Structures are given as C-alpha cells and as structure tokens.
Amino acid sequence: MCLPAIIPCPQKVAKIMKNYTRILGVLAVALVGVLAMTGCGKKADGTPGVAEKTGAAVDNAAEKTVDAAKSAAEKTKDVAGQAVEKTGEVMEKAGAAVEKTGAGMQE
C-alpha cells in the first residue's frame, strides 16, 4: 500500500518514467524528421541546401575512394604477377640444383 502524499509507489514511478521515455522518444524522432526535411530542400533562391551539399561531398568522396581502390588493386595484381614469376624462376633453379645433386649422387 502506498501513501501518495508521503512515499510514491515504485510501480507508479516506473509507469510515469516509461511514459516520459515514450514521449521523449517521439519528440526526438519528430525533431530529426523536421530537421531532415528543412535541411534537404533547396533554398528560396534555388541554391542547394546544406544536406544536398553534404550529400554531394559524400558522393564525391565515395567516387574517389572507389577509384583509389581500383588503382591499388591493379598495382597489387602487377606486383603479385611479378612475385609469381620470380617464384617460378627460383623453383626452376632449385629443381635444376636438385637434379644436379641427384646426378652427382648416382656417379
């Protein structure tokens, strides 16, 4: 039993806090929506808004990143190909040395 004038019930406090949390959540979502809508549109004079400029900058950065990744991949392919060629040469030399050693053992 709770005496509301003296000690609030824990159940009532929890219910009130839950309601406040829901209200604050709805207000936060509404605020984000309003800010997004105002930031995305063009200004009255027809120039792009802040969000539009930011989006264009992000797109530009993404394109540069893709180009850099492609360039790095091409360089890696070239280096890998050279490494495979060198490895093949070394293996051929090692094989020749093993054959020479085997021939020397048979004599």
C-alpha atoms as a PDB file:
ATOM      1  CA  MET A   1       0.000   0.000   0.000  1.00  0.00           C
ATOM      2  CA  CYS A   2       1.329   3.434  -0.972  1.00  0.00           C
ATOM      3  CA  LEU A   3       0.742   6.712   0.717  1.00  0.00           C
ATOM      4  CA  PRO A   4       0.897   9.143  -2.242  1.00  0.00           C
ATOM      5  CA  ALA A   5       1.430  12.206  -0.116  1.00  0.00           C
ATOM      6  CA  ILE A   6       4.473  10.758   1.619  1.00  0.00           C
ATOM      7  CA  ILE A   7       6.099   7.997  -0.468  1.00  0.00           C
ATOM      8  CA  PRO A   8       5.364   7.434  -4.172  1.00  0.00           C
ATOM      9  CA  CYS A   9       4.719   3.835  -5.232  1.00  0.00           C
ATOM     10  CA  PRO A  10       7.562   2.280  -7.182  1.00  0.00           C
ATOM     11  CA  GLN A  11       5.011   0.959  -9.697  1.00  0.00           C
ATOM     12  CA  LYS A  12       3.607   4.433 -10.303  1.00  0.00           C
ATOM     13  CA  VAL A  13       7.081   5.931 -10.626  1.00  0.00           C
ATOM     14  CA  ALA A  14       8.046   3.267 -13.157  1.00  0.00           C
ATOM     15  CA  LYS A  15       4.866   3.903 -15.155  1.00  0.00           C
ATOM     16  CA  ILE A  16       5.436   7.653 -15.184  1.00  0.00           C
ATOM     17  CA  MET A  17       9.074   7.220 -16.255  1.00  0.00           C
ATOM     18  CA  LYS A  18       8.005   4.836 -19.032  1.00  0.00           C
ATOM     19  CA  ASN A  19       5.506   7.408 -20.318  1.00  0.00           C
ATOM     20  CA  TYR A  20       8.113  10.188 -20.211  1.00  0.00           C
ATOM     21  CA  THR A  21      10.559   7.985 -22.103  1.00  0.00           C
ATOM     22  CA  ARG A  22       7.988   7.314 -24.831  1.00  0.00           C
ATOM     23  CA  ILE A  23       7.118  10.990 -25.111  1.00  0.00           C
ATOM     24  CA  LEU A  24      10.789  11.989 -25.332  1.00  0.00           C
ATOM     25  CA  GLY A  25      11.396   9.301 -27.971  1.00  0.00           C
ATOM     26  CA  VAL A  26       8.519  10.532 -30.120  1.00  0.00           C
ATOM     27  CA  LEU A  27       9.699  14.131 -29.772  1.00  0.00           C
ATOM     28  CA  ALA A  28      13.248  13.170 -30.739  1.00  0.00           C
ATOM     29  CA  VAL A  29      12.059  11.340 -33.862  1.00  0.00           C
ATOM     30  CA  ALA A  30       9.824  14.270 -34.805  1.00  0.00           C
ATOM     31  CA  LEU A  31      12.696  16.730 -34.333  1.00  0.00           C
ATOM     32  CA  VAL A  32      15.038  14.676 -36.502  1.00  0.00           C
ATOM     33  CA  GLY A  33      12.354  14.454 -39.190  1.00  0.00           C
ATOM     34  CA  VAL A  34      11.771  18.208 -39.195  1.00  0.00           C
ATOM     35  CA  LEU A  35      15.495  18.940 -39.336  1.00  0.00           C
ATOM     36  CA  ALA A  36      15.984  16.466 -42.171  1.00  0.00           C
ATOM     37  CA  MET A  37      13.129  17.931 -44.176  1.00  0.00           C
ATOM     38  CA  THR A  38      14.350  21.500 -43.803  1.00  0.00           C
ATOM     39  CA  GLY A  39      17.977  20.615 -44.487  1.00  0.00           C
ATOM     40  CA  CYS A  40      17.324  18.556 -47.607  1.00  0.00           C
ATOM     41  CA  GLY A  41      15.356  21.127 -49.567  1.00  0.00           C
ATOM     42  CA  LYS A  42      16.675  23.875 -51.786  1.00  0.00           C
ATOM     43  CA  LYS A  43      16.811  27.403 -50.517  1.00  0.00           C
ATOM     44  CA  ALA A  44      14.362  30.046 -51.720  1.00  0.00           C
ATOM     45  CA  ASP A  45      16.860  31.331 -54.287  1.00  0.00           C
ATOM     46  CA  GLY A  46      17.280  27.844 -55.818  1.00  0.00           C
ATOM     47  CA  THR A  47      20.742  27.067 -54.440  1.00  0.00           C
ATOM     48  CA  PRO A  48      21.263  23.648 -52.870  1.00  0.00           C
ATOM     49  CA  GLY A  49      20.676  23.230 -49.146  1.00  0.00           C
ATOM     50  CA  VAL A  50      23.176  22.094 -46.550  1.00  0.00           C
ATOM     51  CA  ALA A  51      22.164  18.428 -46.726  1.00  0.00           C
ATOM     52  CA  GLU A  52      22.305  18.488 -50.523  1.00  0.00           C
ATOM     53  CA  LYS A  53      25.835  19.921 -50.430  1.00  0.00           C
ATOM     54  CA  THR A  54      26.860  17.361 -47.825  1.00  0.00           C
ATOM     55  CA  GLY A  55      25.376  14.540 -49.913  1.00  0.00           C
ATOM     56  CA  ALA A  56      27.285  15.713 -52.979  1.00  0.00           C
ATOM     57  CA  ALA A  57      30.518  15.835 -50.967  1.00  0.00           C
ATOM     58  CA  VAL A  58      29.916  12.303 -49.666  1.00  0.00           C
ATOM     59  CA  ASP A  59      29.230  11.057 -53.204  1.00  0.00           C
ATOM     60  CA  ASN A  60      32.427  12.702 -54.443  1.00  0.00           C
ATOM     61  CA  ALA A  61      34.461  11.147 -51.626  1.00  0.00           C
ATOM     62  CA  ALA A  62      32.957   7.722 -52.364  1.00  0.00           C
ATOM     63  CA  GLU A  63      33.885   8.001 -56.042  1.00  0.00           C
ATOM     64  CA  LYS A  64      37.460   8.964 -55.151  1.00  0.00           C
ATOM     65  CA  THR A  65      37.681   6.023 -52.757  1.00  0.00           C
ATOM     66  CA  VAL A  66      36.467   3.597 -55.429  1.00  0.00           C
ATOM     67  CA  ASP A  67      38.990   4.975 -57.926  1.00  0.00           C
ATOM     68  CA  ALA A  68      41.816   4.652 -55.396  1.00  0.00           C
ATOM     69  CA  ALA A  69      40.780   1.087 -54.549  1.00  0.00           C
ATOM     70  CA  LYS A  70      40.742   0.131 -58.251  1.00  0.00           C
ATOM     71  CA  SER A  71      44.175   1.666 -58.724  1.00  0.00           C
ATOM     72  CA  ALA A  72      45.532  -0.194 -55.701  1.00  0.00           C
ATOM     73  CA  ALA A  73      44.031  -3.453 -56.981  1.00  0.00           C
ATOM     74  CA  GLU A  74      45.729  -3.010 -60.355  1.00  0.00           C
ATOM     75  CA  LYS A  75      49.085  -2.323 -58.695  1.00  0.00           C
ATOM     76  CA  THR A  76      48.621  -5.345 -56.443  1.00  0.00           C
ATOM     77  CA  LYS A  77      47.875  -7.536 -59.462  1.00  0.00           C
ATOM     78  CA  ASP A  78      51.066  -6.370 -61.162  1.00  0.00           C
ATOM     79  CA  VAL A  79      53.180  -6.971 -58.066  1.00  0.00           C
ATOM     80  CA  ALA A  80      51.566 -10.371 -57.480  1.00  0.00           C
ATOM     81  CA  GLY A  81      52.264 -11.375 -61.078  1.00  0.00           C
ATOM     82  CA  GLN A  82      55.911 -10.374 -60.712  1.00  0.00           C
ATOM     83  CA  ALA A  83      56.153 -12.340 -57.462  1.00  0.00           C
ATOM     84  CA  VAL A  84      54.738 -15.446 -59.150  1.00  0.00           C
ATOM     85  CA  GLU A  85      57.251 -15.110 -61.989  1.00  0.00           C
ATOM     86  CA  LYS A  86      60.158 -14.744 -59.551  1.00  0.00           C
ATOM     87  CA  THR A  87      58.907 -17.713 -57.535  1.00  0.00           C
ATOM     88  CA  GLY A  88      58.753 -19.797 -60.719  1.00  0.00           C
ATOM     89  CA  GLU A  89      62.309 -18.832 -61.608  1.00  0.00           C
ATOM     90  CA  VAL A  90      63.563 -19.733 -58.143  1.00  0.00           C
ATOM     91  CA  MET A  91      61.725 -23.070 -58.272  1.00  0.00           C
ATOM     92  CA  GLU A  92      63.302 -23.849 -61.654  1.00  0.00           C
ATOM     93  CA  LYS A  93      66.769 -23.080 -60.280  1.00  0.00           C
ATOM     94  CA  ALA A  94      66.081 -25.225 -57.205  1.00  0.00           C
ATOM     95  CA  GLY A  95      64.847 -28.068 -59.424  1.00  0.00           C
ATOM     96  CA  ALA A  96      67.993 -27.841 -61.556  1.00  0.00           C
ATOM     97  CA  ALA A  97      70.140 -27.916 -58.414  1.00  0.00           C
ATOM     98  CA  VAL A  98      68.273 -30.993 -57.127  1.00  0.00           C
ATOM     99  CA  GLU A  99      68.739 -32.759 -60.471  1.00  0.00           C
ATOM    100  CA  LYS A 100      72.447 -31.892 -60.467  1.00  0.00           C
ATOM    101  CA  THR A 101      72.791 -33.184 -56.908  1.00  0.00           C
ATOM    102  CA  GLY A 102      70.927 -36.383 -57.841  1.00  0.00           C
ATOM    103  CA  ALA A 103      73.157 -36.897 -60.868  1.00  0.00           C
ATOM    104  CA  GLY A 104      76.233 -36.375 -58.711  1.00  0.00           C
ATOM    105  CA  MET A 105      74.960 -38.985 -56.205  1.00  0.00           C
ATOM    106  CA  GLN A 106      74.419 -41.566 -58.917  1.00  0.00           C
ATOM    107  CA  GLU A 107      78.011 -41.344 -60.103  1.00  0.00           C
END
